[in-house]
């Protein structure tokens, strides 16, 4: 339990910090730049999300394979996989950044920028895209610092980056009046700070993992497939937002979109907490898988389940009891949609426990090197089930039933996740007990 908490708590804190400084950016832009500039940042967000998605694509599999080798005490192989992962993401990150720059104006049009927002989107992306490779590498380094046995260093690095972003946001936007350029520049510098801090950990050789002279790009055949599931989950966030916004605009108008925005801001804390639990467990799953210790793997799975169910129940209870106070952070009680927003949030929160279980399952399957199952679960969540349930809603239902769509989608995915878990983990337990 002590080791479980050692990894889980810093991981959750890291995700909370990430959620908070995401909202801080929005606060400074909306309050000191303007509504048009704020909408421009939202339009540009899919590009920033793609940086994280690509970072996850390379990171999850690298973490799983490094942890597997550490569990088997194959330090040389672990360092080779680690170095290959870092070099690969640097090469790919630079190429991806150049590609975005070449087609930046076309991309802005594809993102839906209007004549009113085009120049602002261009200014923001032109500034933040050069830092794209740091968005990717900082995520990879964060998960690898954890698998090296130093989750607190990972959490502290994220915290320092968040404080850097907060301070620079104030200086660049409020004091210097740099508006969107300042917001993007502050965010980019924060990613550089985080990358430098975690790179220093490996250069100082504090743990078992260190840079190696040996690089084997054949390792990517093993690591990339393991990261696809989690990367797809990151991409799915943008898809779900787009799906909800278009449907709500059709049936509820702009009020529905505003309500969903409030729900998204509130729900991000529940989601990142679940993600923090899963990411904290990932290196432990990989390590015990390398040792072939199915007893400890099953124990970790049970603790993980208990954690996400408990946390999910806490968030649901908080929403049911304090929905008006929570919505009050974003909307005035005098707003015409205030009561509608509180009621909608209470309905939407029914998905939290199922979201937690599915996030945990994707990470578990990837960590146990069952990449196909991780991809399958991610696809079921988004786009398959969420799209099907939304279409059923459009055909057979209307009104506030839409807020239960995520819960139904996640519940169906959860049922299949449980079936796959029973086939893999508990089957291994039976095999271990007979040997």
Foldseek 3Di string as FASTA:
>chain_A
DVLLCVLLVLLLLLLVLVLVLVVLLLVLQPPQPHDLLSVLVVLLVLVLLLLLLLLLLLALLLLLVLLLCVLVVVLVVSQQSLQQSLVVLLVVLVVVLVVCVVCVLVVSVVSPDDPSNSVSNCLLCVQQSVLSSLSNQLVNLLLNCLLLPCSNLSSVLSNVLSVQLNVQSCCVCVVVVVRSNSNSNSNSVSSVSSNVSSLVCQVVCPGSHHHDPHYDNVCCVQRSLLSNLVSLLSSQVVVVLVVQVVLCCVAPNPLSNLLVVLLVSLCSSLLSSLLSSLSSCLSVLSSVLSNLPLVVNVVSLVVSLVVQQVSLVVSLVCLVVCLLVSSCVPDPPPDPCSVVSSVLSNLLSLQSSLSSLLSNLLSNCSSNSNSVVSNVLSVQLPPNQLVVLVVCCVVPHGDSVNSCSNNVSSVVSNVVSVVVCCVPSVVSVVVVVVD
